[in-house]
């Protein structure tokens, strides 16, 4: 269990809470989840922080979101008819369609993993 330290502020003892980072830094989705928890789910944020499970939770969300994006994007491209032939024939259309598909996939990920 983590040992809490306190600092005195007037007549009160305030715990000095820190996030223990283990391993690699958080990616885009982990940081987004962290911000969401801090701004909208403060009780859950505090519980995870005090348990020492905040960073592993954020890391798991980040890895899961990246895996989902890697699986979802090719499937969406296949269903929408975005092919390598289109890329060779009309690169600007291909880029526009891929950006649209990426935005769709990211919206799904945000609703399922980040803002849940």
PDB file of N, CA and C in Angstrom:
ATOM      1  N   UNK A   1       0.841  -1.181   0.000  1.00  0.00           N
ATOM      2  CA  UNK A   1       0.000   0.000   0.000  1.00  0.00           C
ATOM      3  C   UNK A   1       0.877   1.232   0.000  1.00  0.00           C
ATOM      4  N   UNK A   2       0.416   2.277  -0.681  1.00  0.00           N
ATOM      5  CA  UNK A   2       1.173   3.525  -0.749  1.00  0.00           C
ATOM      6  C   UNK A   2       1.119   4.243   0.589  1.00  0.00           C
ATOM      7  N   UNK A   3       2.234   4.810   0.980  1.00  0.00           N
ATOM      8  CA  UNK A   3       2.323   5.585   2.210  1.00  0.00           C
ATOM      9  C   UNK A   3       1.980   7.029   1.874  1.00  0.00           C
ATOM     10  N   UNK A   4       0.937   7.564   2.490  1.00  0.00           N
ATOM     11  CA  UNK A   4       0.524   8.947   2.238  1.00  0.00           C
ATOM     12  C   UNK A   4       1.329   9.896   3.104  1.00  0.00           C
ATOM     13  N   UNK A   5       1.703  11.015   2.520  1.00  0.00           N
ATOM     14  CA  UNK A   5       2.344  12.081   3.280  1.00  0.00           C
ATOM     15  C   UNK A   5       1.387  13.262   3.303  1.00  0.00           C
ATOM     16  N   UNK A   6       1.498  14.057   4.338  1.00  0.00           N
ATOM     17  CA  UNK A   6       0.592  15.181   4.519  1.00  0.00           C
ATOM     18  C   UNK A   6       1.396  16.459   4.690  1.00  0.00           C
ATOM     19  N   UNK A   7       0.784  17.573   4.291  1.00  0.00           N
ATOM     20  CA  UNK A   7       1.371  18.878   4.569  1.00  0.00           C
ATOM     21  C   UNK A   7       0.354  19.690   5.356  1.00  0.00           C
ATOM     22  N   UNK A   8       0.837  20.537   6.212  1.00  0.00           N
ATOM     23  CA  UNK A   8      -0.040  21.328   7.067  1.00  0.00           C
ATOM     24  C   UNK A   8      -0.413  22.613   6.344  1.00  0.00           C
ATOM     25  N   UNK A   9      -1.707  22.882   6.282  1.00  0.00           N
ATOM     26  CA  UNK A   9      -2.229  24.118   5.698  1.00  0.00           C
ATOM     27  C   UNK A   9      -3.151  24.741   6.738  1.00  0.00           C
ATOM     28  N   UNK A  10      -2.631  25.689   7.487  1.00  0.00           N
ATOM     29  CA  UNK A  10      -3.410  26.268   8.575  1.00  0.00           C
ATOM     30  C   UNK A  10      -3.599  25.227   9.654  1.00  0.00           C
ATOM     31  N   UNK A  11      -4.857  24.921   9.976  1.00  0.00           N
ATOM     32  CA  UNK A  11      -5.171  23.914  10.980  1.00  0.00           C
ATOM     33  C   UNK A  11      -5.427  22.539  10.372  1.00  0.00           C
ATOM     34  N   UNK A  12      -5.253  22.414   9.052  1.00  0.00           N
ATOM     35  CA  UNK A  12      -5.611  21.180   8.367  1.00  0.00           C
ATOM     36  C   UNK A  12      -4.382  20.450   7.856  1.00  0.00           C
ATOM     37  N   UNK A  13      -4.505  19.124   7.797  1.00  0.00           N
ATOM     38  CA  UNK A  13      -3.492  18.303   7.152  1.00  0.00           C
ATOM     39  C   UNK A  13      -4.024  17.894   5.781  1.00  0.00           C
ATOM     40  N   UNK A  14      -3.310  18.266   4.725  1.00  0.00           N
ATOM     41  CA  UNK A  14      -3.731  17.996   3.351  1.00  0.00           C
ATOM     42  C   UNK A  14      -2.859  16.864   2.805  1.00  0.00           C
ATOM     43  N   UNK A  15      -3.485  15.785   2.284  1.00  0.00           N
ATOM     44  CA  UNK A  15      -2.669  14.700   1.724  1.00  0.00           C
ATOM     45  C   UNK A  15      -1.993  15.155   0.433  1.00  0.00           C
ATOM     46  N   UNK A  16      -0.766  14.747   0.235  1.00  0.00           N
ATOM     47  CA  UNK A  16      -0.036  15.044  -0.992  1.00  0.00           C
ATOM     48  C   UNK A  16      -0.183  13.836  -1.911  1.00  0.00           C
ATOM     49  N   UNK A  17      -1.087  13.959  -2.866  1.00  0.00           N
ATOM     50  CA  UNK A  17      -1.401  12.868  -3.776  1.00  0.00           C
ATOM     51  C   UNK A  17      -0.579  13.003  -5.050  1.00  0.00           C
ATOM     52  N   UNK A  18       0.003  11.919  -5.471  1.00  0.00           N
ATOM     53  CA  UNK A  18       0.760  11.898  -6.714  1.00  0.00           C
ATOM     54  C   UNK A  18       0.349  10.669  -7.515  1.00  0.00           C
ATOM     55  N   UNK A  19       0.524  10.769  -8.813  1.00  0.00           N
ATOM     56  CA  UNK A  19       0.247   9.636  -9.690  1.00  0.00           C
ATOM     57  C   UNK A  19       1.551   8.901  -9.909  1.00  0.00           C
ATOM     58  N   UNK A  20       1.559   7.651  -9.552  1.00  0.00           N
ATOM     59  CA  UNK A  20       2.755   6.840  -9.737  1.00  0.00           C
ATOM     60  C   UNK A  20       2.747   6.304 -11.164  1.00  0.00           C
ATOM     61  N   UNK A  21       3.684   6.780 -11.964  1.00  0.00           N
ATOM     62  CA  UNK A  21       3.764   6.328 -13.341  1.00  0.00           C
ATOM     63  C   UNK A  21       4.695   5.139 -13.426  1.00  0.00           C
ATOM     64  N   UNK A  22       4.218   4.121 -14.106  1.00  0.00           N
ATOM     65  CA  UNK A  22       5.005   2.913 -14.279  1.00  0.00           C
ATOM     66  C   UNK A  22       5.134   2.654 -15.765  1.00  0.00           C
ATOM     67  N   UNK A  23       6.343   2.564 -16.243  1.00  0.00           N
ATOM     68  CA  UNK A  23       6.537   2.227 -17.643  1.00  0.00           C
ATOM     69  C   UNK A  23       6.442   3.419 -18.560  1.00  0.00           C
ATOM     70  N   UNK A  24       5.865   3.185 -19.728  1.00  0.00           N
ATOM     71  CA  UNK A  24       5.852   4.200 -20.777  1.00  0.00           C
ATOM     72  C   UNK A  24       4.844   5.317 -20.477  1.00  0.00           C
ATOM     73  N   UNK A  25       5.051   6.479 -21.088  1.00  0.00           N
ATOM     74  CA  UNK A  25       4.120   7.590 -20.881  1.00  0.00           C
ATOM     75  C   UNK A  25       2.772   7.314 -21.549  1.00  0.00           C
ATOM     76  N   UNK A  26       1.756   8.029 -21.108  1.00  0.00           N
ATOM     77  CA  UNK A  26       0.414   7.843 -21.648  1.00  0.00           C
ATOM     78  C   UNK A  26       0.321   8.397 -23.060  1.00  0.00           C
ATOM     79  N   UNK A  27      -0.492   7.738 -23.859  1.00  0.00           N
ATOM     80  CA  UNK A  27      -0.751   8.212 -25.213  1.00  0.00           C
ATOM     81  C   UNK A  27      -1.966   9.131 -25.238  1.00  0.00           C
ATOM     82  N   UNK A  28      -2.415   9.432 -26.428  1.00  0.00           N
ATOM     83  CA  UNK A  28      -3.523  10.368 -26.656  1.00  0.00           C
ATOM     84  C   UNK A  28      -4.781   9.961 -25.890  1.00  0.00           C
ATOM     85  N   UNK A  29      -5.192   8.715 -26.020  1.00  0.00           N
ATOM     86  CA  UNK A  29      -6.452   8.286 -25.414  1.00  0.00           C
ATOM     87  C   UNK A  29      -6.353   8.176 -23.893  1.00  0.00           C
ATOM     88  N   UNK A  30      -5.193   7.791 -23.383  1.00  0.00           N
ATOM     89  CA  UNK A  30      -4.989   7.750 -21.942  1.00  0.00           C
ATOM     90  C   UNK A  30      -5.077   9.150 -21.333  1.00  0.00           C
ATOM     91  N   UNK A  31      -4.491  10.118 -22.022  1.00  0.00           N
ATOM     92  CA  UNK A  31      -4.559  11.499 -21.535  1.00  0.00           C
ATOM     93  C   UNK A  31      -5.979  12.047 -21.614  1.00  0.00           C
ATOM     94  N   UNK A  32      -6.695  11.673 -22.678  1.00  0.00           N
ATOM     95  CA  UNK A  32      -8.091  12.128 -22.797  1.00  0.00           C
ATOM     96  C   UNK A  32      -8.949  11.546 -21.675  1.00  0.00           C
ATOM     97  N   UNK A  33      -8.745  10.264 -21.356  1.00  0.00           N
ATOM     98  CA  UNK A  33      -9.492   9.620 -20.271  1.00  0.00           C
ATOM     99  C   UNK A  33      -9.166  10.272 -18.928  1.00  0.00           C
ATOM    100  N   UNK A  34      -7.892  10.568 -18.727  1.00  0.00           N
ATOM    101  CA  UNK A  34      -7.464  11.218 -17.489  1.00  0.00           C
ATOM    102  C   UNK A  34      -8.161  12.571 -17.322  1.00  0.00           C
ATOM    103  N   UNK A  35      -8.181  13.338 -18.381  1.00  0.00           N
ATOM    104  CA  UNK A  35      -8.836  14.656 -18.325  1.00  0.00           C
ATOM    105  C   UNK A  35     -10.332  14.518 -18.067  1.00  0.00           C
ATOM    106  N   UNK A  36     -10.972  13.558 -18.747  1.00  0.00           N
ATOM    107  CA  UNK A  36     -12.402  13.334 -18.551  1.00  0.00           C
ATOM    108  C   UNK A  36     -12.703  12.952 -17.111  1.00  0.00           C
ATOM    109  N   UNK A  37     -11.947  12.017 -16.561  1.00  0.00           N
ATOM    110  CA  UNK A  37     -12.180  11.597 -15.175  1.00  0.00           C
ATOM    111  C   UNK A  37     -12.005  12.769 -14.213  1.00  0.00           C
ATOM    112  N   UNK A  38     -10.971  13.541 -14.429  1.00  0.00           N
ATOM    113  CA  UNK A  38     -10.663  14.655 -13.533  1.00  0.00           C
ATOM    114  C   UNK A  38     -11.748  15.733 -13.585  1.00  0.00           C
ATOM    115  N   UNK A  39     -12.315  15.966 -14.760  1.00  0.00           N
ATOM    116  CA  UNK A  39     -13.296  17.043 -14.927  1.00  0.00           C
ATOM    117  C   UNK A  39     -14.738  16.604 -14.683  1.00  0.00           C
ATOM    118  N   UNK A  40     -15.059  15.328 -14.974  1.00  0.00           N
ATOM    119  CA  UNK A  40     -16.464  14.916 -14.944  1.00  0.00           C
ATOM    120  C   UNK A  40     -16.775  13.763 -13.997  1.00  0.00           C
ATOM    121  N   UNK A  41     -15.791  13.008 -13.583  1.00  0.00           N
ATOM    122  CA  UNK A  41     -16.016  11.851 -12.699  1.00  0.00           C
ATOM    123  C   UNK A  41     -15.037  11.922 -11.534  1.00  0.00           C
ATOM    124  N   UNK A  42     -15.112  12.996 -10.781  1.00  0.00           N
ATOM    125  CA  UNK A  42     -14.127  13.280  -9.749  1.00  0.00           C
ATOM    126  C   UNK A  42     -14.053  12.202  -8.673  1.00  0.00           C
ATOM    127  N   UNK A  43     -15.184  11.608  -8.311  1.00  0.00           N
ATOM    128  CA  UNK A  43     -15.166  10.561  -7.287  1.00  0.00           C
ATOM    129  C   UNK A  43     -14.398   9.338  -7.789  1.00  0.00           C
ATOM    130  N   UNK A  44     -14.674   8.915  -9.015  1.00  0.00           N
ATOM    131  CA  UNK A  44     -13.943   7.776  -9.592  1.00  0.00           C
ATOM    132  C   UNK A  44     -12.458   8.118  -9.715  1.00  0.00           C
ATOM    133  N   UNK A  45     -12.144   9.326 -10.171  1.00  0.00           N
ATOM    134  CA  UNK A  45     -10.754   9.790 -10.268  1.00  0.00           C
ATOM    135  C   UNK A  45     -10.048   9.657  -8.918  1.00  0.00           C
ATOM    136  N   UNK A  46     -10.716  10.136  -7.864  1.00  0.00           N
ATOM    137  CA  UNK A  46     -10.129  10.109  -6.527  1.00  0.00           C
ATOM    138  C   UNK A  46      -9.938   8.678  -6.046  1.00  0.00           C
ATOM    139  N   UNK A  47     -10.927   7.818  -6.276  1.00  0.00           N
ATOM    140  CA  UNK A  47     -10.806   6.417  -5.862  1.00  0.00           C
ATOM    141  C   UNK A  47      -9.633   5.733  -6.562  1.00  0.00           C
ATOM    142  N   UNK A  48      -9.534   5.916  -7.862  1.00  0.00           N
ATOM    143  CA  UNK A  48      -8.439   5.296  -8.611  1.00  0.00           C
ATOM    144  C   UNK A  48      -7.088   5.847  -8.160  1.00  0.00           C
ATOM    145  N   UNK A  49      -7.043   7.136  -7.902  1.00  0.00           N
ATOM    146  CA  UNK A  49      -5.809   7.755  -7.451  1.00  0.00           C
ATOM    147  C   UNK A  49      -5.376   7.225  -6.090  1.00  0.00           C
ATOM    148  N   UNK A  50      -6.323   7.137  -5.155  1.00  0.00           N
ATOM    149  CA  UNK A  50      -6.003   6.656  -3.814  1.00  0.00           C
ATOM    150  C   UNK A  50      -5.659   5.171  -3.796  1.00  0.00           C
ATOM    151  N   UNK A  51      -6.288   4.387  -4.663  1.00  0.00           N
ATOM    152  CA  UNK A  51      -5.978   2.950  -4.752  1.00  0.00           C
ATOM    153  C   UNK A  51      -4.646   2.679  -5.433  1.00  0.00           C
ATOM    154  N   UNK A  52      -4.131   3.669  -6.134  1.00  0.00           N
ATOM    155  CA  UNK A  52      -2.909   3.455  -6.903  1.00  0.00           C
ATOM    156  C   UNK A  52      -3.164   2.747  -8.211  1.00  0.00           C
ATOM    157  N   UNK A  53      -4.416   2.736  -8.674  1.00  0.00           N
ATOM    158  CA  UNK A  53      -4.753   2.049  -9.913  1.00  0.00           C
ATOM    159  C   UNK A  53      -5.072   3.003 -11.053  1.00  0.00           C
ATOM    160  N   UNK A  54      -4.869   4.301 -10.850  1.00  0.00           N
ATOM    161  CA  UNK A  54      -5.198   5.271 -11.893  1.00  0.00           C
ATOM    162  C   UNK A  54      -4.324   5.077 -13.126  1.00  0.00           C
ATOM    163  N   UNK A  55      -3.016   5.052 -12.949  1.00  0.00           N
ATOM    164  CA  UNK A  55      -2.129   4.940 -14.107  1.00  0.00           C
ATOM    165  C   UNK A  55      -2.329   3.623 -14.864  1.00  0.00           C
ATOM    166  N   UNK A  56      -2.427   2.470 -14.194  1.00  0.00           N
ATOM    167  CA  UNK A  56      -2.705   1.243 -14.958  1.00  0.00           C
ATOM    168  C   UNK A  56      -4.048   1.319 -15.716  1.00  0.00           C
ATOM    169  N   UNK A  57      -5.057   1.946 -15.108  1.00  0.00           N
ATOM    170  CA  UNK A  57      -6.348   2.113 -15.781  1.00  0.00           C
ATOM    171  C   UNK A  57      -6.186   2.963 -17.040  1.00  0.00           C
ATOM    172  N   UNK A  58      -5.480   4.074 -16.922  1.00  0.00           N
ATOM    173  CA  UNK A  58      -5.284   4.965 -18.068  1.00  0.00           C
ATOM    174  C   UNK A  58      -4.469   4.287 -19.157  1.00  0.00           C
ATOM    175  N   UNK A  59      -3.479   3.523 -18.760  1.00  0.00           N
ATOM    176  CA  UNK A  59      -2.654   2.810 -19.731  1.00  0.00           C
ATOM    177  C   UNK A  59      -3.474   1.739 -20.455  1.00  0.00           C
ATOM    178  N   UNK A  60      -4.324   1.041 -19.726  1.00  0.00           N
ATOM    179  CA  UNK A  60      -5.184   0.022 -20.343  1.00  0.00           C
ATOM    180  C   UNK A  60      -6.155   0.653 -21.341  1.00  0.00           C
ATOM    181  N   UNK A  61      -6.758   1.787 -20.970  1.00  0.00           N
ATOM    182  CA  UNK A  61      -7.667   2.495 -21.876  1.00  0.00           C
ATOM    183  C   UNK A  61      -6.923   2.910 -23.143  1.00  0.00           C
ATOM    184  N   UNK A  62      -5.727   3.440 -22.993  1.00  0.00           N
ATOM    185  CA  UNK A  62      -4.939   3.890 -24.137  1.00  0.00           C
ATOM    186  C   UNK A  62      -4.619   2.731 -25.075  1.00  0.00           C
ATOM    187  N   UNK A  63      -4.163   1.619 -24.520  1.00  0.00           N
ATOM    188  CA  UNK A  63      -3.817   0.465 -25.342  1.00  0.00           C
ATOM    189  C   UNK A  63      -5.050  -0.127 -26.030  1.00  0.00           C
ATOM    190  N   UNK A  64      -6.151  -0.213 -25.308  1.00  0.00           N
ATOM    191  CA  UNK A  64      -7.382  -0.752 -25.876  1.00  0.00           C
ATOM    192  C   UNK A  64      -7.889   0.129 -27.008  1.00  0.00           C
ATOM    193  N   UNK A  65      -7.865   1.438 -26.800  1.00  0.00           N
ATOM    194  CA  UNK A  65      -8.339   2.375 -27.825  1.00  0.00           C
ATOM    195  C   UNK A  65      -7.471   2.283 -29.082  1.00  0.00           C
ATOM    196  N   UNK A  66      -6.171   2.176 -28.905  1.00  0.00           N
ATOM    197  CA  UNK A  66      -5.283   2.060 -30.071  1.00  0.00           C
ATOM    198  C   UNK A  66      -5.507   0.752 -30.817  1.00  0.00           C
ATOM    199  N   UNK A  67      -5.719  -0.337 -30.070  1.00  0.00           N
ATOM    200  CA  UNK A  67      -6.012  -1.625 -30.733  1.00  0.00           C
ATOM    201  C   UNK A  67      -7.330  -1.556 -31.494  1.00  0.00           C
ATOM    202  N   UNK A  68      -8.340  -0.965 -30.869  1.00  0.00           N
ATOM    203  CA  UNK A  68      -9.652  -0.837 -31.529  1.00  0.00           C
ATOM    204  C   UNK A  68      -9.544  -0.015 -32.804  1.00  0.00           C
ATOM    205  N   UNK A  69      -8.772   1.076 -32.757  1.00  0.00           N
ATOM    206  CA  UNK A  69      -8.597   1.916 -33.944  1.00  0.00           C
ATOM    207  C   UNK A  69      -7.917   1.127 -35.058  1.00  0.00           C
ATOM    208  N   UNK A  70      -6.889   0.356 -34.694  1.00  0.00           N
ATOM    209  CA  UNK A  70      -6.160  -0.430 -35.686  1.00  0.00           C
ATOM    210  C   UNK A  70      -7.051  -1.508 -36.317  1.00  0.00           C
ATOM    211  N   UNK A  71      -8.001  -2.036 -35.569  1.00  0.00           N
ATOM    212  CA  UNK A  71      -8.915  -3.051 -36.114  1.00  0.00           C
ATOM    213  C   UNK A  71     -10.073  -2.425 -36.892  1.00  0.00           C
ATOM    214  N   UNK A  72     -10.567  -1.317 -36.386  1.00  0.00           N
ATOM    215  CA  UNK A  72     -11.764  -0.718 -36.952  1.00  0.00           C
ATOM    216  C   UNK A  72     -11.508  -0.004 -38.286  1.00  0.00           C
ATOM    217  N   UNK A  73     -10.386   0.691 -38.404  1.00  0.00           N
ATOM    218  CA  UNK A  73     -10.122   1.509 -39.586  1.00  0.00           C
ATOM    219  C   UNK A  73     -10.063   0.691 -40.881  1.00  0.00           C
ATOM    220  N   UNK A  74      -9.334  -0.430 -40.928  1.00  0.00           N
ATOM    221  CA  UNK A  74      -9.347  -1.219 -42.174  1.00  0.00           C
ATOM    222  C   UNK A  74     -10.735  -1.779 -42.507  1.00  0.00           C
ATOM    223  N   UNK A  75     -11.488  -2.147 -41.488  1.00  0.00           N
ATOM    224  CA  UNK A  75     -12.838  -2.676 -41.734  1.00  0.00           C
ATOM    225  C   UNK A  75     -13.751  -1.589 -42.310  1.00  0.00           C
ATOM    226  N   UNK A  76     -13.681  -0.397 -41.752  1.00  0.00           N
ATOM    227  CA  UNK A  76     -14.483   0.721 -42.278  1.00  0.00           C
ATOM    228  C   UNK A  76     -14.059   1.064 -43.706  1.00  0.00           C
ATOM    229  N   UNK A  77     -12.758   1.036 -43.974  1.00  0.00           N
ATOM    230  CA  UNK A  77     -12.267   1.336 -45.317  1.00  0.00           C
ATOM    231  C   UNK A  77     -12.767   0.292 -46.316  1.00  0.00           C
ATOM    232  N   UNK A  78     -12.753  -0.962 -45.911  1.00  0.00           N
ATOM    233  CA  UNK A  78     -13.215  -2.039 -46.790  1.00  0.00           C
ATOM    234  C   UNK A  78     -14.701  -1.866 -47.114  1.00  0.00           C
ATOM    235  N   UNK A  79     -15.504  -1.566 -46.075  1.00  0.00           N
ATOM    236  CA  UNK A  79     -16.951  -1.396 -46.291  1.00  0.00           C
ATOM    237  C   UNK A  79     -17.275  -0.160 -47.132  1.00  0.00           C
ATOM    238  N   UNK A  80     -16.424   0.855 -47.062  1.00  0.00           N
ATOM    239  CA  UNK A  80     -16.682   2.095 -47.803  1.00  0.00           C
ATOM    240  C   UNK A  80     -16.077   2.085 -49.194  1.00  0.00           C
ATOM    241  N   UNK A  81     -15.350   1.047 -49.529  1.00  0.00           N
ATOM    242  CA  UNK A  81     -14.762   0.950 -50.857  1.00  0.00           C
ATOM    243  C   UNK A  81     -13.502   1.783 -51.028  1.00  0.00           C
ATOM    244  N   UNK A  82     -12.838   2.101 -49.944  1.00  0.00           N
ATOM    245  CA  UNK A  82     -11.583   2.844 -50.013  1.00  0.00           C
ATOM    246  C   UNK A  82     -10.473   1.820 -50.209  1.00  0.00           C
ATOM    247  N   UNK A  83      -9.925   1.778 -51.409  1.00  0.00           N
ATOM    248  CA  UNK A  83      -8.949   0.753 -51.768  1.00  0.00           C
ATOM    249  C   UNK A  83      -7.624   1.380 -52.186  1.00  0.00           C
ATOM    250  N   UNK A  84      -6.636   0.519 -52.378  1.00  0.00           N
ATOM    251  CA  UNK A  84      -5.339   0.971 -52.883  1.00  0.00           C
ATOM    252  C   UNK A  84      -5.462   1.474 -54.318  1.00  0.00           C
ATOM    253  N   UNK A  85      -6.404   0.903 -55.067  1.00  0.00           N
ATOM    254  CA  UNK A  85      -6.626   1.374 -56.438  1.00  0.00           C
ATOM    255  C   UNK A  85      -7.116   2.817 -56.424  1.00  0.00           C
ATOM    256  N   UNK A  86      -8.005   3.141 -55.494  1.00  0.00           N
ATOM    257  CA  UNK A  86      -8.486   4.526 -55.356  1.00  0.00           C
ATOM    258  C   UNK A  86      -7.328   5.433 -54.953  1.00  0.00           C
ATOM    259  N   UNK A  87      -6.475   4.942 -54.082  1.00  0.00           N
ATOM    260  CA  UNK A  87      -5.320   5.726 -53.631  1.00  0.00           C
ATOM    261  C   UNK A  87      -4.403   6.063 -54.810  1.00  0.00           C
ATOM    262  N   UNK A  88      -4.198   5.103 -55.713  1.00  0.00           N
ATOM    263  CA  UNK A  88      -3.343   5.321 -56.876  1.00  0.00           C
ATOM    264  C   UNK A  88      -4.023   6.233 -57.898  1.00  0.00           C
ATOM    265  N   UNK A  89      -5.335   6.084 -58.056  1.00  0.00           N
ATOM    266  CA  UNK A  89      -6.081   6.835 -59.060  1.00  0.00           C
ATOM    267  C   UNK A  89      -6.358   8.274 -58.626  1.00  0.00           C
ATOM    268  N   UNK A  90      -6.772   8.435 -57.368  1.00  0.00           N
ATOM    269  CA  UNK A  90      -7.167   9.763 -56.887  1.00  0.00           C
ATOM    270  C   UNK A  90      -6.735   9.930 -55.429  1.00  0.00           C
ATOM    271  N   UNK A  91      -5.469  10.296 -55.219  1.00  0.00           N
ATOM    272  CA  UNK A  91      -4.947  10.361 -53.851  1.00  0.00           C
ATOM    273  C   UNK A  91      -5.690  11.336 -52.936  1.00  0.00           C
ATOM    274  N   UNK A  92      -6.128  12.470 -53.449  1.00  0.00           N
ATOM    275  CA  UNK A  92      -6.802  13.455 -52.600  1.00  0.00           C
ATOM    276  C   UNK A  92      -8.153  12.937 -52.112  1.00  0.00           C
ATOM    277  N   UNK A  93      -8.880  12.254 -52.955  1.00  0.00           N
ATOM    278  CA  UNK A  93     -10.156  11.654 -52.545  1.00  0.00           C
ATOM    279  C   UNK A  93      -9.905  10.576 -51.499  1.00  0.00           C
ATOM    280  N   UNK A  94      -8.865   9.769 -51.722  1.00  0.00           N
ATOM    281  CA  UNK A  94      -8.519   8.714 -50.777  1.00  0.00           C
ATOM    282  C   UNK A  94      -8.190   9.300 -49.407  1.00  0.00           C
ATOM    283  N   UNK A  95      -7.387  10.364 -49.378  1.00  0.00           N
ATOM    284  CA  UNK A  95      -7.018  11.000 -48.114  1.00  0.00           C
ATOM    285  C   UNK A  95      -8.256  11.544 -47.411  1.00  0.00           C
ATOM    286  N   UNK A  96      -9.125  12.213 -48.162  1.00  0.00           N
ATOM    287  CA  UNK A  96     -10.353  12.749 -47.579  1.00  0.00           C
ATOM    288  C   UNK A  96     -11.239  11.659 -46.990  1.00  0.00           C
ATOM    289  N   UNK A  97     -11.384  10.566 -47.721  1.00  0.00           N
ATOM    290  CA  UNK A  97     -12.219   9.473 -47.233  1.00  0.00           C
ATOM    291  C   UNK A  97     -11.592   8.803 -46.013  1.00  0.00           C
ATOM    292  N   UNK A  98     -10.271   8.623 -46.028  1.00  0.00           N
ATOM    293  CA  UNK A  98      -9.602   8.007 -44.878  1.00  0.00           C
ATOM    294  C   UNK A  98      -9.701   8.897 -43.638  1.00  0.00           C
ATOM    295  N   UNK A  99      -9.578  10.202 -43.828  1.00  0.00           N
ATOM    296  CA  UNK A  99      -9.735  11.114 -42.693  1.00  0.00           C
ATOM    297  C   UNK A  99     -11.149  11.039 -42.125  1.00  0.00           C
ATOM    298  N   UNK A 100     -12.128  10.935 -43.003  1.00  0.00           N
ATOM    299  CA  UNK A 100     -13.523  10.803 -42.568  1.00  0.00           C
ATOM    300  C   UNK A 100     -13.728   9.503 -41.796  1.00  0.00           C
ATOM    301  N   UNK A 101     -13.171   8.413 -42.304  1.00  0.00           N
ATOM    302  CA  UNK A 101     -13.305   7.121 -41.633  1.00  0.00           C
ATOM    303  C   UNK A 101     -12.592   7.122 -40.281  1.00  0.00           C
ATOM    304  N   UNK A 102     -11.431   7.768 -40.222  1.00  0.00           N
ATOM    305  CA  UNK A 102     -10.705   7.854 -38.957  1.00  0.00           C
ATOM    306  C   UNK A 102     -11.520   8.645 -37.932  1.00  0.00           C
ATOM    307  N   UNK A 103     -12.161   9.723 -38.367  1.00  0.00           N
ATOM    308  CA  UNK A 103     -13.003  10.516 -37.462  1.00  0.00           C
ATOM    309  C   UNK A 103     -14.184   9.693 -36.957  1.00  0.00           C
ATOM    310  N   UNK A 104     -14.768   8.884 -37.831  1.00  0.00           N
ATOM    311  CA  UNK A 104     -15.877   8.012 -37.417  1.00  0.00           C
ATOM    312  C   UNK A 104     -15.410   7.001 -36.377  1.00  0.00           C
ATOM    313  N   UNK A 105     -14.298   6.357 -36.650  1.00  0.00           N
ATOM    314  CA  UNK A 105     -13.770   5.351 -35.720  1.00  0.00           C
ATOM    315  C   UNK A 105     -13.416   5.994 -34.383  1.00  0.00           C
ATOM    316  N   UNK A 106     -12.826   7.178 -34.430  1.00  0.00           N
ATOM    317  CA  UNK A 106     -12.452   7.849 -33.191  1.00  0.00           C
ATOM    318  C   UNK A 106     -13.684   8.247 -32.382  1.00  0.00           C
ATOM    319  N   UNK A 107     -14.729   8.661 -33.044  1.00  0.00           N
ATOM    320  CA  UNK A 107     -15.971   9.018 -32.340  1.00  0.00           C
ATOM    321  C   UNK A 107     -16.544   7.800 -31.613  1.00  0.00           C
ATOM    322  N   UNK A 108     -16.501   6.659 -32.238  1.00  0.00           N
ATOM    323  CA  UNK A 108     -16.975   5.424 -31.601  1.00  0.00           C
ATOM    324  C   UNK A 108     -16.117   5.099 -30.387  1.00  0.00           C
ATOM    325  N   UNK A 109     -14.805   5.183 -30.551  1.00  0.00           N
ATOM    326  CA  UNK A 109     -13.885   4.887 -29.445  1.00  0.00           C
ATOM    327  C   UNK A 109     -14.096   5.850 -28.286  1.00  0.00           C
ATOM    328  N   UNK A 110     -14.250   7.126 -28.586  1.00  0.00           N
ATOM    329  CA  UNK A 110     -14.454   8.112 -27.522  1.00  0.00           C
ATOM    330  C   UNK A 110     -15.723   7.809 -26.734  1.00  0.00           C
ATOM    331  N   UNK A 111     -16.793   7.478 -27.430  1.00  0.00           N
ATOM    332  CA  UNK A 111     -18.046   7.191 -26.735  1.00  0.00           C
ATOM    333  C   UNK A 111     -18.003   5.891 -25.955  1.00  0.00           C
ATOM    334  N   UNK A 112     -17.310   4.879 -26.456  1.00  0.00           N
ATOM    335  CA  UNK A 112     -17.280   3.588 -25.775  1.00  0.00           C
ATOM    336  C   UNK A 112     -16.258   3.505 -24.655  1.00  0.00           C
ATOM    337  N   UNK A 113     -15.103   4.119 -24.829  1.00  0.00           N
ATOM    338  CA  UNK A 113     -14.013   3.937 -23.855  1.00  0.00           C
ATOM    339  C   UNK A 113     -13.687   5.174 -23.023  1.00  0.00           C
ATOM    340  N   UNK A 114     -13.638   6.310 -23.648  1.00  0.00           N
ATOM    341  CA  UNK A 114     -13.141   7.504 -22.967  1.00  0.00           C
ATOM    342  C   UNK A 114     -14.230   8.156 -22.115  1.00  0.00           C
ATOM    343  N   UNK A 115     -15.376   8.418 -22.720  1.00  0.00           N
ATOM    344  CA  UNK A 115     -16.448   9.143 -22.029  1.00  0.00           C
ATOM    345  C   UNK A 115     -17.486   8.211 -21.427  1.00  0.00           C
ATOM    346  N   UNK A 116     -17.046   7.094 -20.900  1.00  0.00           N
ATOM    347  CA  UNK A 116     -17.962   6.107 -20.349  1.00  0.00           C
ATOM    348  C   UNK A 116     -17.665   5.910 -18.878  1.00  0.00           C
TER     349      UNK A 116
END
